[in-house]
Amino acid sequence: MENYDELLNSILSLKEELKNAKSSYERLRIFMNLGLTYLLLSDLGDERENIVSALLNFDEAEKIAKTVENKEDLAEIESNKGFVFYKLAHIEDPLYNLETAAKHYLNAVELLKDTDHKSKLVRVYYNLANTYLLGKEIESIKEALKYFEEALKLKDEAEDNKIIGLIYHGIGVSNFILGKFERDLEKKEEFLKKAIEAFRESLNYFENDDLLDIASTRSHIASSLLELALLKEDKDFYEEALEHYKYVLDIYKDKDPQDYATTLFNIGTLYLNESRLKDIDEKTKIELLENALGYFEEALNYFPKDTHKESFIRIHYEISVCLRELFFLKNDPQLISEVRDHIEEIINDIDKTKNPYTYLTSQFFLGEAYFYLGDKDKALLHYEESLRVSENFDNELAQSIASVVEKIKSL
């Protein structure tokens, strides 16, 4: 609240200064400072209203800057407008606002690239790349990578080491996402290895007190290694990924509850997938599944249904997967009862149009649970619902479920 009041007072003071400004350039700088102050205020309340107020003040500054044709000031205004639309993209019309943000940043690039202000150009390239990184299409991610690499070419002109670390981090994120998209397994592996290389390089540019940047980078290293582990079925990748996740868990525990919870979930995912490696003995498999279960259950405490519905559903689903696999290994009826309980907690909230596989699998698990608990009629209801959904998009899966349905009917 104190910061909010301080910013409001700053705005009032700047508006008073504006009345007494003696030159056009002084007015320009006051409008710029007003815009930046409104942007800071947008993080504390009335987000959209303050962002729009920032834009209006940058517009006023631009009118003045165009009369004197000062490239540096115009570039600063274009860059600030880029950030305005980048922030707007988080709250409304993301496609339009991201495109508009990119246009403003590109304008700033054109104004700066033939000047001596290379450190500012590095920052603009970095912000432009982050704008494209927010896009969901593969072409947008490729554009992000291109501009991160443009920024990297100017790293000797950077204002400090941290921005270089952030650029390498962005290159890592871009390659990681491209690796997730890629279907060719060799290319996928290449993207993931490039991501890991970039993330590791970025760590060389952070200071010891850049804890959250270090944690984010090491978390991304872990996620990249986990993808490689899944691709190569290599236990060493799982173990290395786990080291990084556990390192960041200690950082996030006191500093960022949301990232702490996400890391708990990621570790659960790691253990669950490691339990599926070939050539591991049953005892190890059970240990890995129990580890996964423990991390998922702890993560669930941070994702209540009313505020994190999708995560709530996903974690209950993964818990049921662990319990189900443990049931088939240990043959403990309590485990299959718990599968039923976790699926029933979420089954009515799963969107079968957006997430048909999760929905039909959950229905199948529920049918399976009721079957092993001795309720054939309820089992059939859920098996048949699973079959109905699978018939719409996966014939092979539908045939497999149909054979289960016929077998249950014949009993």
Protein backbone atom coordinates (compact mmCIF):
# COMPACT_ATOMS: atom_id res chain seq x y z
CA MET A 1 0.00 0.00 0.00
CA GLU A 2 2.89 2.31 0.80
CA ASN A 3 4.39 1.83 -2.66
CA TYR A 4 0.99 2.44 -4.24
CA ASP A 5 0.59 5.73 -2.38
CA GLU A 6 4.14 6.76 -3.25
CA LEU A 7 3.48 6.18 -6.95
CA LEU A 8 0.24 8.14 -6.80
CA ASN A 9 2.12 11.02 -5.19
CA SER A 10 4.77 10.80 -7.91
CA ILE A 11 2.08 11.12 -10.56
CA LEU A 12 0.62 14.17 -8.86
CA SER A 13 4.08 15.74 -8.62
CA LEU A 14 4.84 15.02 -12.29
CA LYS A 15 1.55 16.55 -13.37
CA GLU A 16 2.39 19.66 -11.36
CA GLU A 17 5.83 19.79 -13.00
CA LEU A 18 4.14 19.52 -16.39
CA LYS A 19 2.22 22.74 -15.75
CA ASN A 20 5.48 24.57 -15.08
CA ALA A 21 7.63 22.97 -17.79
CA LYS A 22 9.68 25.55 -19.63
CA SER A 23 10.70 23.59 -22.76
CA SER A 24 9.32 20.99 -25.11
CA TYR A 25 12.06 18.57 -24.15
CA GLU A 26 11.24 18.96 -20.47
CA ARG A 27 7.59 18.19 -21.26
CA LEU A 28 8.69 15.13 -23.25
CA ARG A 29 10.66 13.73 -20.30
CA ILE A 30 7.79 14.39 -17.89
CA PHE A 31 5.35 12.55 -20.16
CA MET A 32 7.82 9.65 -20.36
CA ASN A 33 8.17 9.52 -16.57
CA LEU A 34 4.39 9.65 -16.18
CA GLY A 35 4.04 6.71 -18.57
CA LEU A 36 6.64 4.69 -16.70
CA THR A 37 5.04 5.49 -13.35
CA TYR A 38 1.63 4.38 -14.57
CA LEU A 39 3.24 1.12 -15.73
CA LEU A 40 4.62 0.57 -12.23
CA LEU A 41 1.21 1.39 -10.80
CA SER A 42 -0.42 -1.20 -13.07
CA ASP A 43 1.33 -3.94 -11.10
CA LEU A 44 -0.38 -2.81 -7.90
CA GLY A 45 -3.97 -2.17 -8.97
CA ASP A 46 -6.39 -1.18 -11.79
CA GLU A 47 -4.06 -2.92 -14.22
CA ARG A 48 -5.75 -2.13 -17.53
CA GLU A 49 -6.66 1.45 -16.63
CA ASN A 50 -3.10 2.26 -15.61
CA ILE A 51 -1.61 0.58 -18.68
CA VAL A 52 -3.87 2.67 -20.93
CA SER A 53 -2.86 5.80 -18.98
CA ALA A 54 0.77 4.90 -19.58
CA LEU A 55 0.10 4.57 -23.31
CA LEU A 56 -1.61 7.96 -23.47
CA ASN A 57 1.38 9.63 -21.87
CA PHE A 58 3.81 7.89 -24.21
CA ASP A 59 1.65 9.15 -27.11
CA GLU A 60 2.05 12.71 -25.83
CA ALA A 61 5.80 12.24 -25.54
CA GLU A 62 5.91 10.90 -29.11
CA LYS A 63 4.15 13.98 -30.50
CA ILE A 64 6.92 16.14 -29.05
CA ALA A 65 9.76 13.78 -30.06
CA LYS A 66 8.62 13.78 -33.69
CA THR A 67 8.98 17.56 -33.86
CA VAL A 68 12.69 17.34 -33.02
CA GLU A 69 13.35 13.98 -34.73
CA ASN A 70 15.54 12.66 -31.94
CA LYS A 71 16.11 8.98 -32.77
CA GLU A 72 17.10 8.00 -29.25
CA ASP A 73 13.95 9.47 -27.70
CA LEU A 74 11.73 8.04 -30.41
CA ALA A 75 13.33 4.62 -29.92
CA GLU A 76 12.73 4.84 -26.18
CA ILE A 77 9.08 5.70 -26.76
CA GLU A 78 8.63 2.86 -29.27
CA SER A 79 10.24 0.45 -26.82
CA ASN A 80 8.00 1.62 -23.98
CA LYS A 81 4.93 1.25 -26.20
CA GLY A 82 6.10 -2.25 -27.03
CA PHE A 83 6.11 -3.04 -23.34
CA VAL A 84 2.64 -1.52 -22.91
CA PHE A 85 1.14 -3.85 -25.50
CA TYR A 86 3.17 -6.78 -24.16
CA LYS A 87 1.53 -6.21 -20.76
CA LEU A 88 -1.91 -5.81 -22.36
CA ALA A 89 -1.44 -9.17 -24.10
CA HIS A 90 -1.48 -10.83 -20.68
CA ILE A 91 -4.98 -9.55 -19.91
CA GLU A 92 -6.81 -9.27 -23.27
CA ASP A 93 -6.65 -9.97 -27.02
CA PRO A 94 -3.19 -11.59 -26.90
CA LEU A 95 -2.79 -12.06 -30.67
CA TYR A 96 -3.43 -8.40 -31.54
CA ASN A 97 -1.49 -7.00 -28.60
CA LEU A 98 1.56 -9.20 -29.16
CA GLU A 99 1.63 -8.25 -32.85
CA THR A 100 1.37 -4.57 -31.92
CA ALA A 101 4.08 -4.92 -29.26
CA ALA A 102 6.39 -6.54 -31.82
CA LYS A 103 5.76 -3.72 -34.32
CA HIS A 104 6.76 -1.10 -31.75
CA TYR A 105 9.88 -3.00 -30.76
CA LEU A 106 10.82 -3.43 -34.43
CA ASN A 107 10.39 0.31 -34.90
CA ALA A 108 12.79 0.83 -32.00
CA VAL A 109 15.29 -1.55 -33.61
CA GLU A 110 15.19 0.44 -36.87
CA LEU A 111 15.79 3.68 -34.98
CA LEU A 112 18.71 2.32 -32.96
CA LYS A 113 20.59 -0.07 -35.23
CA ASP A 114 22.61 2.63 -37.02
CA THR A 115 23.37 4.59 -33.83
CA ASP A 116 26.01 4.20 -31.14
CA HIS A 117 23.38 3.08 -28.57
CA LYS A 118 24.17 -0.62 -28.90
CA SER A 119 23.48 -1.44 -25.24
CA LYS A 120 19.93 -0.13 -25.72
CA LEU A 121 19.62 -2.16 -28.91
CA VAL A 122 20.56 -5.31 -26.97
CA ARG A 123 17.71 -4.65 -24.55
CA VAL A 124 15.20 -3.97 -27.36
CA TYR A 125 16.17 -7.19 -29.17
CA TYR A 126 15.75 -9.07 -25.87
CA ASN A 127 12.29 -7.57 -25.26
CA LEU A 128 11.26 -8.22 -28.86
CA ALA A 129 12.34 -11.86 -28.53
CA ASN A 130 10.36 -12.24 -25.30
CA THR A 131 7.30 -10.85 -27.06
CA TYR A 132 7.51 -13.52 -29.75
CA LEU A 133 8.23 -16.13 -27.07
CA LEU A 134 4.81 -15.42 -25.57
CA GLY A 135 3.17 -16.56 -28.82
CA LYS A 136 2.00 -20.15 -29.00
CA GLU A 137 2.72 -20.92 -32.66
CA ILE A 138 5.98 -22.53 -33.72
CA GLU A 139 6.77 -19.67 -36.13
CA SER A 140 6.52 -17.22 -33.24
CA ILE A 141 9.03 -19.28 -31.22
CA LYS A 142 11.41 -19.34 -34.20
CA GLU A 143 11.18 -15.54 -34.40
CA ALA A 144 11.95 -15.36 -30.68
CA LEU A 145 15.07 -17.48 -31.16
CA LYS A 146 16.16 -15.29 -34.09
CA TYR A 147 16.00 -12.10 -32.03
CA PHE A 148 17.62 -13.63 -28.95
CA GLU A 149 20.50 -14.56 -31.25
CA GLU A 150 20.57 -11.01 -32.65
CA ALA A 151 20.86 -9.73 -29.10
CA LEU A 152 23.64 -12.21 -28.39
CA LYS A 153 25.70 -10.90 -31.33
CA LEU A 154 25.90 -7.60 -29.43
CA LYS A 155 26.73 -9.12 -26.04
CA ASP A 156 30.02 -7.18 -25.85
CA GLU A 157 27.92 -4.00 -25.91
CA ALA A 158 25.56 -5.16 -23.14
CA GLU A 159 25.01 -2.91 -20.13
CA ASP A 160 25.82 -5.73 -17.68
CA ASN A 161 26.38 -9.45 -17.42
CA LYS A 162 22.89 -10.23 -16.22
CA ILE A 163 21.23 -9.29 -19.52
CA ILE A 164 23.62 -11.70 -21.28
CA GLY A 165 22.56 -14.43 -18.88
CA LEU A 166 18.91 -13.65 -19.61
CA ILE A 167 19.56 -13.77 -23.36
CA TYR A 168 21.17 -17.22 -23.08
CA HIS A 169 18.21 -18.25 -20.91
CA GLY A 170 15.82 -17.08 -23.65
CA ILE A 171 17.77 -19.06 -26.26
CA GLY A 172 17.43 -22.08 -24.00
CA VAL A 173 13.68 -21.63 -23.57
CA SER A 174 13.19 -21.19 -27.33
CA ASN A 175 15.11 -24.38 -28.13
CA PHE A 176 13.29 -26.24 -25.36
CA ILE A 177 9.88 -25.30 -26.77
CA LEU A 178 10.96 -26.11 -30.33
CA GLY A 179 12.15 -29.48 -29.04
CA LYS A 180 8.74 -30.10 -27.48
CA PHE A 181 7.07 -29.31 -30.82
CA GLU A 182 9.49 -31.37 -32.93
CA ARG A 183 8.38 -34.84 -34.01
CA ASP A 184 11.59 -35.93 -35.71
CA LEU A 185 13.44 -37.65 -32.84
CA GLU A 186 16.94 -36.68 -33.97
CA LYS A 187 15.98 -33.02 -34.36
CA LYS A 188 14.13 -33.14 -31.05
CA GLU A 189 17.26 -34.37 -29.29
CA GLU A 190 19.33 -31.67 -31.00
CA PHE A 191 16.97 -28.89 -29.83
CA LEU A 192 16.98 -30.22 -26.26
CA LYS A 193 20.77 -30.44 -26.14
CA LYS A 194 21.06 -26.88 -27.49
CA ALA A 195 18.62 -25.77 -24.79
CA ILE A 196 20.70 -27.37 -22.04
CA GLU A 197 23.90 -25.85 -23.44
CA ALA A 198 22.34 -22.36 -23.49
CA PHE A 199 20.90 -22.70 -19.98
CA ARG A 200 24.25 -23.83 -18.61
CA GLU A 201 26.00 -20.93 -20.30
CA SER A 202 23.50 -18.47 -18.84
CA LEU A 203 24.49 -19.52 -15.31
CA ASN A 204 27.96 -18.05 -15.95
CA TYR A 205 26.48 -14.54 -16.10
CA PHE A 206 24.34 -14.46 -12.95
CA GLU A 207 25.58 -13.27 -9.58
CA ASN A 208 25.06 -15.31 -6.41
CA ASP A 209 22.21 -13.06 -5.32
CA ASP A 210 20.32 -13.62 -8.60
CA LEU A 211 18.71 -16.59 -6.88
CA LEU A 212 15.41 -16.65 -8.76
CA ASP A 213 17.16 -16.35 -12.14
CA ILE A 214 19.47 -19.20 -11.19
CA ALA A 215 16.52 -21.26 -9.95
CA SER A 216 14.53 -20.66 -13.12
CA THR A 217 17.51 -21.64 -15.29
CA ARG A 218 18.29 -24.78 -13.33
CA SER A 219 14.61 -25.72 -13.37
CA HIS A 220 14.67 -25.40 -17.18
CA ILE A 221 17.82 -27.54 -17.31
CA ALA A 222 15.98 -30.17 -15.30
CA SER A 223 12.93 -30.05 -17.59
CA SER A 224 15.14 -30.35 -20.67
CA LEU A 225 16.98 -33.32 -19.14
CA LEU A 226 13.63 -34.90 -18.27
CA GLU A 227 12.54 -34.61 -21.90
CA LEU A 228 15.84 -36.21 -22.95
CA ALA A 229 15.32 -38.96 -20.37
CA LEU A 230 11.90 -39.72 -21.85
CA LEU A 231 13.34 -39.67 -25.36
CA LYS A 232 16.41 -41.80 -24.69
CA GLU A 233 15.05 -43.91 -21.79
CA ASP A 234 18.24 -43.09 -19.92
CA LYS A 235 18.39 -43.33 -16.12
CA ASP A 236 21.38 -40.95 -15.96
CA PHE A 237 19.29 -38.11 -17.41
CA TYR A 238 16.60 -38.73 -14.80
CA GLU A 239 19.14 -38.58 -11.99
CA GLU A 240 20.77 -35.39 -13.27
CA ALA A 241 17.36 -33.74 -13.74
CA LEU A 242 16.42 -34.69 -10.18
CA GLU A 243 19.55 -32.98 -8.81
CA HIS A 244 18.55 -29.71 -10.47
CA TYR A 245 14.90 -29.93 -9.37
CA LYS A 246 15.88 -30.58 -5.75
CA TYR A 247 18.33 -27.66 -5.85
CA VAL A 248 15.61 -25.23 -6.98
CA LEU A 249 13.09 -26.70 -4.55
CA ASP A 250 15.20 -25.37 -1.67
CA ILE A 251 15.30 -21.89 -3.26
CA TYR A 252 11.58 -21.74 -4.02
CA LYS A 253 10.45 -23.08 -0.65
CA ASP A 254 10.78 -19.71 1.09
CA LYS A 255 10.68 -17.37 -1.91
CA ASP A 256 7.98 -18.52 -4.33
CA PRO A 257 5.23 -20.94 -3.19
CA GLN A 258 3.79 -21.30 -6.70
CA ASP A 259 7.10 -22.31 -8.26
CA TYR A 260 7.77 -24.53 -5.25
CA ALA A 261 4.51 -26.37 -5.90
CA THR A 262 5.22 -26.63 -9.63
CA THR A 263 8.63 -28.13 -8.87
CA LEU A 264 7.00 -30.65 -6.52
CA PHE A 265 4.75 -31.66 -9.41
CA ASN A 266 7.70 -31.88 -11.81
CA ILE A 267 9.60 -34.15 -9.43
CA GLY A 268 6.52 -36.34 -9.13
CA THR A 269 6.35 -36.53 -12.92
CA LEU A 270 10.04 -37.45 -13.06
CA TYR A 271 9.68 -40.32 -10.57
CA LEU A 272 6.53 -41.60 -12.30
CA ASN A 273 8.23 -41.73 -15.69
CA GLU A 274 11.42 -43.20 -14.29
CA SER A 275 9.34 -46.03 -12.81
CA ARG A 276 8.46 -47.04 -16.37
CA LEU A 277 12.03 -47.64 -17.46
CA LYS A 278 12.74 -51.11 -18.77
CA ASP A 279 14.98 -53.44 -16.80
CA ILE A 280 14.26 -52.04 -13.34
CA ASP A 281 13.24 -54.50 -10.65
CA GLU A 282 9.84 -54.49 -8.98
CA LYS A 283 11.14 -53.18 -5.66
CA THR A 284 12.74 -50.15 -7.35
CA LYS A 285 9.60 -49.56 -9.41
CA ILE A 286 7.48 -49.48 -6.24
CA GLU A 287 9.91 -47.07 -4.55
CA LEU A 288 9.82 -44.72 -7.52
CA LEU A 289 6.02 -44.78 -7.68
CA GLU A 290 5.74 -44.12 -3.96
CA ASN A 291 8.16 -41.21 -4.31
CA ALA A 292 6.08 -39.82 -7.16
CA LEU A 293 2.91 -40.20 -5.11
CA GLY A 294 4.42 -38.31 -2.18
CA TYR A 295 5.44 -35.33 -4.32
CA PHE A 296 2.09 -35.18 -6.13
CA GLU A 297 0.21 -35.27 -2.82
CA GLU A 298 2.30 -32.43 -1.41
CA ALA A 299 1.84 -30.40 -4.62
CA LEU A 300 -1.93 -30.82 -4.38
CA ASN A 301 -1.95 -28.69 -1.21
CA TYR A 302 -0.97 -25.66 -3.28
CA PHE A 303 -3.59 -26.03 -6.02
CA PRO A 304 -7.11 -25.69 -4.60
CA LYS A 305 -9.93 -26.34 -7.02
CA ASP A 306 -11.53 -22.90 -6.76
CA THR A 307 -8.40 -21.04 -7.92
CA HIS A 308 -6.36 -23.65 -9.85
CA LYS A 309 -8.96 -25.94 -11.36
CA GLU A 310 -6.84 -27.36 -14.22
CA SER A 311 -3.87 -28.10 -11.95
CA PHE A 312 -6.21 -29.58 -9.36
CA ILE A 313 -7.58 -31.97 -12.00
CA ARG A 314 -4.14 -32.83 -13.39
CA ILE A 315 -2.62 -33.67 -10.00
CA HIS A 316 -5.56 -35.83 -8.91
CA TYR A 317 -5.25 -37.63 -12.26
CA GLU A 318 -1.50 -38.25 -11.82
CA ILE A 319 -2.06 -39.44 -8.24
CA SER A 320 -4.61 -41.94 -9.55
CA VAL A 321 -2.09 -43.14 -12.16
CA CYS A 322 0.50 -43.81 -9.42
CA LEU A 323 -2.03 -45.56 -7.20
CA ARG A 324 -3.27 -47.68 -10.10
CA GLU A 325 0.24 -48.83 -11.03
CA LEU A 326 1.02 -49.55 -7.38
CA PHE A 327 -2.19 -51.60 -7.13
CA PHE A 328 -1.11 -53.89 -9.96
CA LEU A 329 2.28 -54.34 -8.28
CA LYS A 330 1.09 -54.79 -4.68
CA ASN A 331 -2.48 -56.09 -5.16
CA ASP A 332 -3.72 -53.99 -2.25
CA PRO A 333 -7.51 -53.29 -2.53
CA GLN A 334 -7.07 -50.03 -0.58
CA LEU A 335 -5.03 -48.65 -3.48
CA ILE A 336 -7.77 -49.24 -6.06
CA SER A 337 -10.31 -47.67 -3.67
CA GLU A 338 -8.10 -44.58 -3.58
CA VAL A 339 -7.95 -44.54 -7.40
CA ARG A 340 -11.75 -44.43 -7.41
CA ASP A 341 -11.83 -41.63 -4.85
CA HIS A 342 -9.34 -39.42 -6.73
CA ILE A 343 -11.06 -39.88 -10.10
CA GLU A 344 -14.50 -39.22 -8.65
CA GLU A 345 -13.09 -35.99 -7.21
CA ILE A 346 -12.44 -34.67 -10.75
CA ILE A 347 -14.51 -36.64 -13.26
CA ASN A 348 -17.35 -34.10 -13.49
CA ASP A 349 -14.92 -31.21 -13.99
CA ILE A 350 -12.87 -32.65 -16.88
CA ASP A 351 -13.73 -30.97 -20.17
CA LYS A 352 -14.14 -33.93 -22.52
CA THR A 353 -14.05 -31.64 -25.57
CA LYS A 354 -10.75 -29.96 -24.69
CA ASN A 355 -9.21 -32.95 -22.90
CA PRO A 356 -10.80 -36.06 -24.39
CA TYR A 357 -7.90 -38.37 -23.57
CA THR A 358 -7.82 -37.37 -19.90
CA TYR A 359 -11.59 -37.74 -19.72
CA LEU A 360 -11.82 -41.17 -21.38
CA THR A 361 -8.81 -42.48 -19.44
CA SER A 362 -10.36 -41.27 -16.19
CA GLN A 363 -13.62 -43.00 -17.08
CA PHE A 364 -11.66 -46.18 -17.87
CA PHE A 365 -9.79 -45.98 -14.54
CA LEU A 366 -13.09 -45.52 -12.73
CA GLY A 367 -14.59 -48.52 -14.52
CA GLU A 368 -11.52 -50.56 -13.66
CA ALA A 369 -11.68 -49.50 -10.01
CA TYR A 370 -15.34 -50.51 -9.69
CA PHE A 371 -14.62 -53.80 -11.41
CA TYR A 372 -11.89 -54.74 -8.93
CA LEU A 373 -14.11 -53.55 -6.08
CA GLY A 374 -16.78 -55.98 -7.25
CA ASP A 375 -19.36 -53.62 -8.77
CA LYS A 376 -19.73 -54.87 -12.36
CA ASP A 377 -22.71 -52.65 -13.25
CA LYS A 378 -20.96 -49.39 -12.29
CA ALA A 379 -17.79 -50.63 -13.97
CA LEU A 380 -19.67 -51.10 -17.26
CA LEU A 381 -21.19 -47.62 -17.11
CA HIS A 382 -17.76 -46.02 -16.93
CA TYR A 383 -16.10 -48.38 -19.42
CA GLU A 384 -18.87 -47.65 -21.95
CA GLU A 385 -18.52 -43.88 -21.47
CA SER A 386 -14.79 -44.24 -22.08
CA LEU A 387 -15.56 -46.20 -25.24
CA ARG A 388 -18.03 -43.58 -26.55
CA VAL A 389 -15.48 -40.81 -26.29
CA SER A 390 -12.61 -42.86 -27.77
CA GLU A 391 -14.69 -43.73 -30.85
CA ASN A 392 -14.64 -40.06 -31.86
CA PHE A 393 -10.89 -39.76 -32.35
CA ASP A 394 -8.91 -43.01 -31.92
CA ASN A 395 -10.21 -46.18 -33.57
CA GLU A 396 -7.38 -48.36 -32.31
CA LEU A 397 -7.91 -47.26 -28.73
CA ALA A 398 -11.67 -47.67 -29.13
CA GLN A 399 -11.21 -51.27 -30.28
CA SER A 400 -9.04 -51.99 -27.26
CA ILE A 401 -11.63 -50.55 -24.87
CA ALA A 402 -14.44 -52.34 -26.73
CA SER A 403 -12.73 -55.69 -26.10
CA VAL A 404 -12.63 -54.88 -22.37
CA VAL A 405 -16.34 -53.99 -22.42
CA GLU A 406 -17.23 -57.26 -24.15
CA LYS A 407 -15.13 -59.25 -21.70
CA ILE A 408 -16.83 -57.62 -18.69
CA LYS A 409 -20.26 -58.27 -20.21
CA SER A 410 -19.42 -61.92 -20.69
CA LEU A 411 -18.52 -62.48 -17.04
